[in-house]
């Protein structure tokens, strides 16, 4: 009887430890390979989006930190939604947050809609493109000088250099 109890207790403890990790892994692009729903159920405007972009933008996935080439983009220009092309950020608002994701201090006014996100046991503010509804990332109050930090998935953005 005691052994049975210990097995059940041990399995329960392991479940509490590993279930959140598998849930996190399924939300990171690279682990998750398929969309949950048929593509026709999403507001996909750009037919050239990759599967990874679709998972991030329409199922609130996350790209791996440090993988976006936009982390190294230093030219003047603007950042646009990869799905609909709406202008979201100016390059003057971009900064190196050290998080591994492209980060910005401010967005173009009206570019995003926000909602509260309680995933992963914390309260965060998620932001999505106001034009097409595509998920882009989360906004935090730990930016430079106590301001905002828009932490964006680089795969959701297109950089347009200033001409």
N, C-alpha and C. Protein backbone atom coordinates (compact mmCIF):
# COMPACT_ATOMS: atom_id res chain seq x y z
N UNK A 1 0.83 -1.19 0.00
CA UNK A 1 0.00 0.00 0.00
C UNK A 1 0.88 1.26 0.00
N UNK A 2 1.92 1.22 0.81
CA UNK A 2 2.81 2.39 0.89
C UNK A 2 3.55 2.61 -0.42
N UNK A 3 3.99 1.52 -1.07
CA UNK A 3 4.69 1.64 -2.35
C UNK A 3 3.77 2.25 -3.41
N UNK A 4 2.52 1.80 -3.42
CA UNK A 4 1.56 2.33 -4.39
C UNK A 4 1.38 3.83 -4.17
N UNK A 5 1.27 4.25 -2.91
CA UNK A 5 1.13 5.67 -2.59
C UNK A 5 2.36 6.45 -3.05
N UNK A 6 3.56 5.91 -2.80
CA UNK A 6 4.78 6.60 -3.20
C UNK A 6 4.89 6.72 -4.72
N UNK A 7 4.47 5.69 -5.45
CA UNK A 7 4.49 5.75 -6.91
C UNK A 7 3.55 6.83 -7.42
N UNK A 8 2.35 6.87 -6.87
CA UNK A 8 1.37 7.87 -7.29
C UNK A 8 1.85 9.27 -6.94
N UNK A 9 2.39 9.44 -5.73
CA UNK A 9 2.90 10.74 -5.31
C UNK A 9 4.07 11.18 -6.19
N UNK A 10 4.96 10.27 -6.49
CA UNK A 10 6.12 10.57 -7.33
C UNK A 10 5.70 10.96 -8.74
N UNK A 11 4.75 10.22 -9.30
CA UNK A 11 4.26 10.54 -10.64
C UNK A 11 3.58 11.91 -10.66
N UNK A 12 2.85 12.22 -9.59
CA UNK A 12 2.18 13.53 -9.52
C UNK A 12 3.20 14.65 -9.47
N UNK A 13 4.22 14.48 -8.68
CA UNK A 13 5.27 15.51 -8.56
C UNK A 13 5.97 15.70 -9.90
N UNK A 14 6.30 14.60 -10.58
CA UNK A 14 6.95 14.71 -11.89
C UNK A 14 6.04 15.41 -12.90
N UNK A 15 4.75 15.13 -12.83
CA UNK A 15 3.79 15.79 -13.71
C UNK A 15 3.77 17.29 -13.49
N UNK A 16 3.79 17.71 -12.22
CA UNK A 16 3.80 19.14 -11.93
C UNK A 16 5.08 19.81 -12.42
N UNK A 17 6.17 19.05 -12.43
CA UNK A 17 7.45 19.62 -12.87
C UNK A 17 7.52 19.68 -14.39
N UNK A 18 7.18 18.58 -15.08
CA UNK A 18 7.42 18.49 -16.51
C UNK A 18 6.29 18.99 -17.39
N UNK A 19 5.04 19.01 -16.92
CA UNK A 19 3.95 19.47 -17.78
C UNK A 19 4.13 20.92 -18.21
N UNK A 20 4.47 21.85 -17.30
CA UNK A 20 4.68 23.23 -17.77
C UNK A 20 5.81 23.33 -18.78
N UNK A 21 6.83 22.50 -18.66
CA UNK A 21 7.94 22.55 -19.60
C UNK A 21 7.50 22.08 -20.98
N UNK A 22 6.66 21.04 -21.06
CA UNK A 22 6.19 20.58 -22.36
C UNK A 22 5.25 21.61 -22.96
N UNK A 23 4.46 22.27 -22.13
CA UNK A 23 3.57 23.32 -22.62
C UNK A 23 4.38 24.47 -23.19
N UNK A 24 5.44 24.85 -22.52
CA UNK A 24 6.32 25.91 -23.00
C UNK A 24 6.97 25.50 -24.31
N UNK A 25 7.46 24.26 -24.38
CA UNK A 25 8.11 23.79 -25.60
C UNK A 25 7.16 23.81 -26.78
N UNK A 26 5.91 23.47 -26.57
CA UNK A 26 4.93 23.47 -27.66
C UNK A 26 4.64 24.87 -28.15
N UNK A 27 4.92 25.89 -27.37
CA UNK A 27 4.65 27.27 -27.75
C UNK A 27 5.85 27.91 -28.46
N UNK A 28 7.01 27.26 -28.40
CA UNK A 28 8.20 27.80 -29.04
C UNK A 28 8.32 27.22 -30.44
N UNK A 29 8.44 28.10 -31.44
CA UNK A 29 8.56 27.65 -32.81
C UNK A 29 9.80 26.77 -32.92
N UNK A 30 9.66 25.68 -33.62
CA UNK A 30 10.74 24.71 -33.74
C UNK A 30 10.29 23.41 -33.09
N UNK A 31 9.55 23.50 -32.00
CA UNK A 31 8.98 22.32 -31.37
C UNK A 31 7.62 22.01 -32.00
N UNK A 32 6.85 23.05 -32.20
CA UNK A 32 5.50 22.91 -32.75
C UNK A 32 5.59 23.02 -34.26
N UNK A 33 5.05 22.05 -34.97
CA UNK A 33 5.21 22.01 -36.41
C UNK A 33 3.95 22.32 -37.21
N UNK A 34 2.77 22.13 -36.62
CA UNK A 34 1.54 22.28 -37.38
C UNK A 34 0.59 23.27 -36.71
N UNK A 35 -0.21 23.92 -37.54
CA UNK A 35 -1.26 24.80 -37.03
C UNK A 35 -2.38 23.96 -36.42
N UNK A 36 -3.03 24.50 -35.40
CA UNK A 36 -4.12 23.78 -34.74
C UNK A 36 -5.36 23.71 -35.61
N UNK A 37 -5.60 24.77 -36.38
CA UNK A 37 -6.80 24.86 -37.21
C UNK A 37 -6.42 24.93 -38.68
N UNK A 38 -7.41 24.84 -39.54
CA UNK A 38 -7.20 24.99 -40.97
C UNK A 38 -6.82 26.45 -41.25
N UNK A 39 -5.93 26.67 -42.21
CA UNK A 39 -5.46 28.03 -42.52
C UNK A 39 -6.61 28.99 -42.87
N UNK A 40 -7.68 28.47 -43.42
CA UNK A 40 -8.81 29.33 -43.82
C UNK A 40 -9.49 29.96 -42.60
N UNK A 41 -9.22 29.45 -41.41
CA UNK A 41 -9.83 29.98 -40.19
C UNK A 41 -9.04 31.16 -39.62
N UNK A 42 -7.90 31.48 -40.22
CA UNK A 42 -7.06 32.59 -39.75
C UNK A 42 -7.15 33.76 -40.74
N UNK A 43 -6.79 34.95 -40.28
CA UNK A 43 -6.80 36.13 -41.13
C UNK A 43 -5.44 36.28 -41.82
N UNK A 44 -5.10 35.29 -42.64
CA UNK A 44 -3.82 35.31 -43.34
C UNK A 44 -3.98 36.14 -44.61
N UNK A 45 -3.24 37.26 -44.66
CA UNK A 45 -3.29 38.16 -45.80
C UNK A 45 -2.12 37.91 -46.74
N UNK A 46 -0.93 37.68 -46.17
CA UNK A 46 0.27 37.44 -46.95
C UNK A 46 0.37 35.94 -47.24
N UNK A 47 0.19 35.53 -48.49
CA UNK A 47 0.24 34.09 -48.81
C UNK A 47 1.64 33.49 -48.71
N UNK A 48 2.66 34.35 -48.56
CA UNK A 48 4.04 33.87 -48.49
C UNK A 48 4.54 33.64 -47.07
N UNK A 49 3.68 33.77 -46.06
CA UNK A 49 4.12 33.52 -44.68
C UNK A 49 4.59 32.09 -44.53
N UNK A 50 5.66 31.92 -43.77
CA UNK A 50 6.15 30.56 -43.48
C UNK A 50 5.27 29.93 -42.40
N UNK A 51 5.40 28.64 -42.24
CA UNK A 51 4.65 27.95 -41.19
C UNK A 51 5.01 28.51 -39.81
N UNK A 52 6.29 28.83 -39.60
CA UNK A 52 6.73 29.39 -38.33
C UNK A 52 6.06 30.74 -38.07
N UNK A 53 5.98 31.58 -39.09
CA UNK A 53 5.32 32.87 -38.93
C UNK A 53 3.84 32.70 -38.60
N UNK A 54 3.18 31.76 -39.25
CA UNK A 54 1.76 31.51 -38.99
C UNK A 54 1.54 31.05 -37.55
N UNK A 55 2.41 30.18 -37.05
CA UNK A 55 2.27 29.69 -35.67
C UNK A 55 2.43 30.84 -34.68
N UNK A 56 3.41 31.71 -34.92
CA UNK A 56 3.62 32.85 -34.02
C UNK A 56 2.46 33.84 -34.12
N UNK A 57 2.10 34.20 -35.33
CA UNK A 57 1.14 35.28 -35.54
C UNK A 57 -0.32 34.89 -35.25
N UNK A 58 -0.65 33.63 -35.43
CA UNK A 58 -2.06 33.24 -35.30
C UNK A 58 -2.33 32.25 -34.17
N UNK A 59 -1.26 31.71 -33.57
CA UNK A 59 -1.45 30.82 -32.43
C UNK A 59 -0.60 31.27 -31.24
N UNK A 60 -0.15 32.52 -31.30
CA UNK A 60 0.58 33.15 -30.21
C UNK A 60 1.83 32.37 -29.80
N UNK A 61 2.52 31.85 -30.80
CA UNK A 61 3.77 31.15 -30.54
C UNK A 61 4.90 32.14 -30.27
N UNK A 62 6.09 31.61 -30.08
CA UNK A 62 7.28 32.42 -29.79
C UNK A 62 8.47 31.85 -30.54
N UNK A 63 9.23 32.74 -31.16
CA UNK A 63 10.47 32.25 -31.78
C UNK A 63 11.55 32.15 -30.71
N UNK A 64 12.53 31.33 -30.97
CA UNK A 64 13.63 31.17 -30.02
C UNK A 64 14.39 32.49 -29.88
N UNK A 65 14.76 32.81 -28.66
CA UNK A 65 15.54 34.03 -28.40
C UNK A 65 16.86 33.98 -29.16
N UNK A 66 17.26 35.12 -29.69
CA UNK A 66 18.56 35.23 -30.35
C UNK A 66 18.58 34.74 -31.78
N UNK A 67 17.45 34.34 -32.35
CA UNK A 67 17.45 33.80 -33.71
C UNK A 67 17.06 34.81 -34.78
N UNK A 68 16.57 35.96 -34.40
CA UNK A 68 16.10 36.94 -35.39
C UNK A 68 17.25 37.77 -35.93
N UNK A 69 17.34 37.84 -37.26
CA UNK A 69 18.34 38.70 -37.89
C UNK A 69 18.07 40.17 -37.61
N UNK A 70 16.83 40.49 -37.26
CA UNK A 70 16.49 41.89 -36.97
C UNK A 70 17.15 42.39 -35.68
N UNK A 71 17.65 41.49 -34.85
CA UNK A 71 18.39 41.91 -33.66
C UNK A 71 19.61 42.75 -34.06
N UNK A 72 20.13 42.50 -35.26
CA UNK A 72 21.36 43.15 -35.70
C UNK A 72 21.11 44.27 -36.70
N UNK A 73 19.85 44.54 -37.01
CA UNK A 73 19.51 45.59 -37.97
C UNK A 73 19.76 46.97 -37.34
N UNK A 74 20.61 47.78 -37.99
CA UNK A 74 20.97 49.10 -37.46
C UNK A 74 20.60 50.25 -38.40
N UNK A 75 20.12 49.93 -39.60
CA UNK A 75 19.81 50.99 -40.57
C UNK A 75 18.55 51.77 -40.16
N UNK A 76 18.44 52.98 -40.71
CA UNK A 76 17.23 53.78 -40.51
C UNK A 76 16.13 53.21 -41.39
N UNK A 77 14.92 53.24 -40.86
CA UNK A 77 13.79 52.73 -41.61
C UNK A 77 12.62 52.47 -40.68
N UNK A 78 11.75 51.56 -41.08
CA UNK A 78 10.59 51.24 -40.27
C UNK A 78 10.32 49.74 -40.31
N UNK A 79 9.59 49.29 -39.30
CA UNK A 79 9.24 47.88 -39.17
C UNK A 79 7.74 47.73 -39.39
N UNK A 80 7.38 46.76 -40.22
CA UNK A 80 6.00 46.56 -40.63
C UNK A 80 5.54 45.15 -40.29
N UNK A 81 4.23 44.97 -40.21
CA UNK A 81 3.64 43.65 -39.96
C UNK A 81 3.93 42.75 -41.16
N UNK A 82 4.46 41.57 -40.90
CA UNK A 82 4.78 40.62 -41.98
C UNK A 82 3.52 40.07 -42.64
N UNK A 83 2.38 40.15 -41.98
CA UNK A 83 1.14 39.64 -42.55
C UNK A 83 0.45 40.67 -43.44
N UNK A 84 0.25 41.89 -42.92
CA UNK A 84 -0.55 42.88 -43.67
C UNK A 84 0.24 44.09 -44.15
N UNK A 85 1.46 44.27 -43.69
CA UNK A 85 2.28 45.40 -44.12
C UNK A 85 2.08 46.68 -43.35
N UNK A 86 1.22 46.68 -42.33
CA UNK A 86 0.99 47.90 -41.55
C UNK A 86 2.28 48.34 -40.86
N UNK A 87 2.51 49.65 -40.84
CA UNK A 87 3.70 50.20 -40.18
C UNK A 87 3.49 50.15 -38.67
N UNK A 88 4.47 49.56 -37.96
CA UNK A 88 4.33 49.33 -36.52
C UNK A 88 5.33 50.12 -35.68
N UNK A 89 6.59 50.18 -36.14
CA UNK A 89 7.66 50.82 -35.37
C UNK A 89 8.57 51.60 -36.29
N UNK A 90 9.17 52.66 -35.75
CA UNK A 90 10.27 53.38 -36.42
C UNK A 90 11.58 52.80 -35.89
N UNK A 91 12.60 52.82 -36.72
CA UNK A 91 13.90 52.29 -36.29
C UNK A 91 14.49 53.10 -35.13
N UNK A 92 14.10 54.36 -35.00
CA UNK A 92 14.61 55.19 -33.90
C UNK A 92 14.13 54.70 -32.54
N UNK A 93 13.08 53.88 -32.51
CA UNK A 93 12.56 53.35 -31.25
C UNK A 93 13.19 52.01 -30.88
N UNK A 94 14.01 51.45 -31.77
CA UNK A 94 14.62 50.13 -31.52
C UNK A 94 15.81 50.28 -30.58
N UNK A 95 15.96 49.31 -29.68
CA UNK A 95 17.11 49.28 -28.79
C UNK A 95 17.47 47.84 -28.46
N UNK A 96 18.69 47.64 -27.98
CA UNK A 96 19.14 46.30 -27.60
C UNK A 96 18.78 46.06 -26.14
N UNK A 97 17.76 45.24 -25.92
CA UNK A 97 17.29 44.97 -24.56
C UNK A 97 18.08 43.85 -23.90
N UNK A 98 18.86 43.12 -24.68
CA UNK A 98 19.60 41.99 -24.13
C UNK A 98 18.75 40.74 -23.95
N UNK A 99 17.51 40.76 -24.46
CA UNK A 99 16.61 39.62 -24.28
C UNK A 99 16.73 38.59 -25.40
N UNK A 100 17.26 39.01 -26.54
CA UNK A 100 17.34 38.10 -27.68
C UNK A 100 16.22 38.29 -28.68
N UNK A 101 15.33 39.23 -28.42
CA UNK A 101 14.24 39.57 -29.34
C UNK A 101 14.34 41.04 -29.70
N UNK A 102 13.95 41.41 -30.93
CA UNK A 102 13.93 42.83 -31.27
C UNK A 102 13.02 43.60 -30.30
N UNK A 103 13.52 44.70 -29.77
CA UNK A 103 12.77 45.46 -28.77
C UNK A 103 12.69 46.92 -29.16
N UNK A 104 11.57 47.54 -28.79
CA UNK A 104 11.27 48.93 -29.16
C UNK A 104 10.70 49.66 -27.95
N UNK A 105 10.99 50.97 -27.89
CA UNK A 105 10.48 51.78 -26.78
C UNK A 105 9.07 52.29 -27.02
N UNK A 106 8.69 52.43 -28.28
CA UNK A 106 7.34 52.91 -28.59
C UNK A 106 6.90 52.40 -29.94
N UNK A 107 5.59 52.30 -30.10
CA UNK A 107 4.99 51.86 -31.35
C UNK A 107 4.37 53.06 -32.06
N UNK A 108 4.09 52.88 -33.33
CA UNK A 108 3.32 53.89 -34.08
C UNK A 108 1.95 53.97 -33.40
N UNK A 109 1.45 55.17 -33.08
CA UNK A 109 0.13 55.28 -32.42
C UNK A 109 -0.97 54.53 -33.18
N UNK A 110 -1.72 53.72 -32.46
CA UNK A 110 -2.83 52.96 -33.04
C UNK A 110 -2.42 51.69 -33.77
N UNK A 111 -1.12 51.36 -33.77
CA UNK A 111 -0.65 50.18 -34.51
C UNK A 111 -1.08 48.86 -33.88
N UNK A 112 -1.28 48.87 -32.56
CA UNK A 112 -1.55 47.61 -31.87
C UNK A 112 -2.81 47.66 -31.02
N UNK A 113 -3.38 46.49 -30.80
CA UNK A 113 -4.39 46.28 -29.77
C UNK A 113 -3.73 45.37 -28.73
N UNK A 114 -4.15 45.49 -27.49
CA UNK A 114 -3.54 44.70 -26.42
C UNK A 114 -4.59 43.88 -25.68
N UNK A 115 -4.11 42.85 -25.02
CA UNK A 115 -4.95 42.06 -24.14
C UNK A 115 -4.06 41.48 -23.05
N UNK A 116 -4.67 41.12 -21.94
CA UNK A 116 -3.91 40.53 -20.84
C UNK A 116 -3.72 39.04 -21.12
N UNK A 117 -2.50 38.59 -20.93
CA UNK A 117 -2.11 37.20 -21.20
C UNK A 117 -1.66 36.59 -19.87
N UNK A 118 -2.29 35.50 -19.47
CA UNK A 118 -1.95 34.84 -18.20
C UNK A 118 -1.18 33.53 -18.42
N UNK A 119 -0.66 33.30 -19.61
CA UNK A 119 0.05 32.05 -19.86
C UNK A 119 1.35 31.98 -19.06
N UNK A 120 1.79 30.79 -18.79
CA UNK A 120 3.03 30.51 -18.07
C UNK A 120 3.03 31.04 -16.64
N UNK A 121 1.83 31.16 -16.06
CA UNK A 121 1.73 31.52 -14.65
C UNK A 121 2.07 32.96 -14.32
N UNK A 122 2.02 33.84 -15.31
CA UNK A 122 2.31 35.24 -15.05
C UNK A 122 1.35 36.12 -15.83
N UNK A 123 1.22 37.35 -15.40
CA UNK A 123 0.36 38.32 -16.07
C UNK A 123 1.22 39.20 -16.97
N UNK A 124 0.91 39.18 -18.26
CA UNK A 124 1.65 39.99 -19.23
C UNK A 124 0.66 40.69 -20.15
N UNK A 125 1.14 41.72 -20.85
CA UNK A 125 0.32 42.40 -21.84
C UNK A 125 0.79 41.98 -23.22
N UNK A 126 -0.10 41.31 -23.93
CA UNK A 126 0.19 40.85 -25.29
C UNK A 126 -0.26 41.92 -26.28
N UNK A 127 0.51 42.12 -27.35
CA UNK A 127 0.06 43.06 -28.37
C UNK A 127 -0.02 42.39 -29.73
N UNK A 128 -1.04 42.82 -30.49
CA UNK A 128 -1.32 42.28 -31.82
C UNK A 128 -1.56 43.44 -32.78
N UNK A 129 -1.32 43.20 -34.04
CA UNK A 129 -1.52 44.20 -35.09
C UNK A 129 -2.99 44.63 -35.10
N UNK A 130 -3.22 45.94 -35.02
CA UNK A 130 -4.59 46.45 -35.01
C UNK A 130 -5.26 46.25 -36.36
N UNK A 131 -4.48 46.14 -37.42
CA UNK A 131 -5.05 45.99 -38.76
C UNK A 131 -5.50 44.56 -39.06
N UNK A 132 -4.67 43.56 -38.74
CA UNK A 132 -4.99 42.18 -39.12
C UNK A 132 -5.14 41.23 -37.95
N UNK A 133 -4.79 41.67 -36.75
CA UNK A 133 -4.95 40.83 -35.56
C UNK A 133 -3.80 39.88 -35.28
N UNK A 134 -2.73 39.93 -36.07
CA UNK A 134 -1.60 39.01 -35.88
C UNK A 134 -0.85 39.32 -34.58
N UNK A 135 -0.59 38.28 -33.80
CA UNK A 135 0.19 38.39 -32.55
C UNK A 135 1.62 38.77 -32.90
N UNK A 136 2.19 39.72 -32.13
CA UNK A 136 3.58 40.13 -32.36
C UNK A 136 4.46 39.91 -31.15
N UNK A 137 3.94 40.04 -29.95
CA UNK A 137 4.78 39.88 -28.77
C UNK A 137 4.11 40.40 -27.53
N UNK A 138 4.94 40.86 -26.59
CA UNK A 138 4.45 41.37 -25.31
C UNK A 138 5.11 42.70 -25.00
N UNK A 139 4.41 43.53 -24.26
CA UNK A 139 4.96 44.83 -23.86
C UNK A 139 5.14 44.82 -22.35
N UNK A 140 6.30 45.31 -21.93
CA UNK A 140 6.67 45.33 -20.51
C UNK A 140 7.01 46.75 -20.09
N UNK A 141 6.98 47.00 -18.81
CA UNK A 141 7.31 48.33 -18.27
C UNK A 141 8.74 48.39 -17.76
N UNK A 142 9.67 47.74 -18.46
CA UNK A 142 11.06 47.74 -18.03
C UNK A 142 12.01 48.23 -19.12
N UNK A 143 11.50 49.14 -19.95
CA UNK A 143 12.32 49.70 -21.02
C UNK A 143 13.28 50.75 -20.50
N UNK A 144 14.05 51.38 -21.38
CA UNK A 144 14.98 52.42 -20.97
C UNK A 144 14.27 53.56 -20.23
N UNK A 145 14.91 54.05 -19.21
CA UNK A 145 14.38 55.15 -18.39
C UNK A 145 13.02 54.85 -17.80
N UNK A 146 12.76 53.57 -17.50
CA UNK A 146 11.49 53.17 -16.88
C UNK A 146 10.32 53.16 -17.83
N UNK A 147 10.60 53.26 -19.13
CA UNK A 147 9.53 53.27 -20.13
C UNK A 147 9.12 51.87 -20.57
N UNK A 148 8.47 51.82 -21.70
CA UNK A 148 7.96 50.56 -22.22
C UNK A 148 9.03 49.81 -23.02
N UNK A 149 8.86 48.48 -23.06
CA UNK A 149 9.68 47.62 -23.92
C UNK A 149 8.74 46.72 -24.70
N UNK A 150 8.60 47.00 -25.99
CA UNK A 150 7.83 46.14 -26.87
C UNK A 150 8.77 45.03 -27.32
N UNK A 151 8.56 43.84 -26.82
CA UNK A 151 9.39 42.68 -27.12
C UNK A 151 8.71 41.93 -28.26
N UNK A 152 9.32 41.96 -29.43
CA UNK A 152 8.66 41.45 -30.63
C UNK A 152 9.33 40.19 -31.17
N UNK A 153 8.52 39.31 -31.71
CA UNK A 153 9.03 38.18 -32.47
C UNK A 153 9.50 38.73 -33.81
N UNK A 154 10.77 38.57 -34.12
CA UNK A 154 11.31 39.12 -35.35
C UNK A 154 10.66 38.56 -36.61
N UNK A 155 10.18 37.32 -36.56
CA UNK A 155 9.53 36.72 -37.72
C UNK A 155 8.22 37.42 -38.08
N UNK A 156 7.68 38.20 -37.16
CA UNK A 156 6.43 38.93 -37.41
C UNK A 156 6.66 40.27 -38.08
N UNK A 157 7.91 40.66 -38.20
CA UNK A 157 8.24 41.99 -38.70
C UNK A 157 8.96 41.95 -40.06
N UNK A 158 8.71 42.97 -40.85
CA UNK A 158 9.47 43.21 -42.07
C UNK A 158 10.13 44.57 -41.92
N UNK A 159 11.43 44.64 -42.16
CA UNK A 159 12.14 45.91 -42.09
C UNK A 159 12.14 46.57 -43.46
N UNK A 160 11.75 47.84 -43.50
CA UNK A 160 11.77 48.62 -44.75
C UNK A 160 12.77 49.75 -44.55
N UNK A 161 13.93 49.68 -45.25
CA UNK A 161 14.94 50.72 -45.08
C UNK A 161 14.46 52.06 -45.61
N UNK A 162 14.96 53.12 -44.97
CA UNK A 162 14.64 54.47 -45.41
C UNK A 162 15.29 54.71 -46.78
N UNK A 163 14.55 55.33 -47.68
CA UNK A 163 15.11 55.54 -49.04
C UNK A 163 15.82 56.85 -49.16
